[in-house]
Amino acid sequence: MKIDKNCRYCNRIYQPNSLTSSIYLTLLHIYLRPNLNQIQVSPADLLQAALDLMSRHKPRLDPVETLNLLPPFVNANDVQGFLLEVLRAPVFGTKVVKCISKARNDAVARKLMALQRRKVKVIDSRMYVEHD
C-alpha cells in the first residue's frame, strides 16, 4: 500500500534538527488535508493512516501543529496515546527556563541587597541589628 511506502520514505530521510525534521508533520498534513482530486485512497483510510502515524511517531511531531491539523470530528479516544505522550513530554523550552532562572536570580539579588543594608553592632555580649 502507498501509505506504508510514505512512512518508510519518512523513516529513511528523517534527521532530527535538520531540514527534514518536519517530514512527519508534512506527511500528516497530506493525510489530513488531502487534495481530493488527486487521492486514490478513501478519506477513512487516510484518517486511519494519520492516526497510526501519530501513534508511531509521537516524539517527531510538533504537538500544537499536529492538534491543529486534526479535523473536529476526531474523537479524543482516537488520539489518547498521542495526547498522553505530549502531556508527559517536557514543556519547558529554553526561553521558559531562562525566564525562570532570571526571575530566581533577581529574587536572590533583591534578598542580598536587603541583607547588605542591615548593620550589626556587637556590644559586650549583646548583638543588635539596625535597620536603615
Foldseek 3Di string as FASTA:
>chain_A
DVLVVLVVVLVVPDDPPDPSLCSLVVLLLCLLPPPVVPDPDDNVVSVVSSLVSCLVPLVSHDVVSNVVSDDPVDDCVSCVNSVVVVVPDDPDDPVNVVVVVVVVVVVVVVVVVQVVQWDWDQDDPDIDIDHD
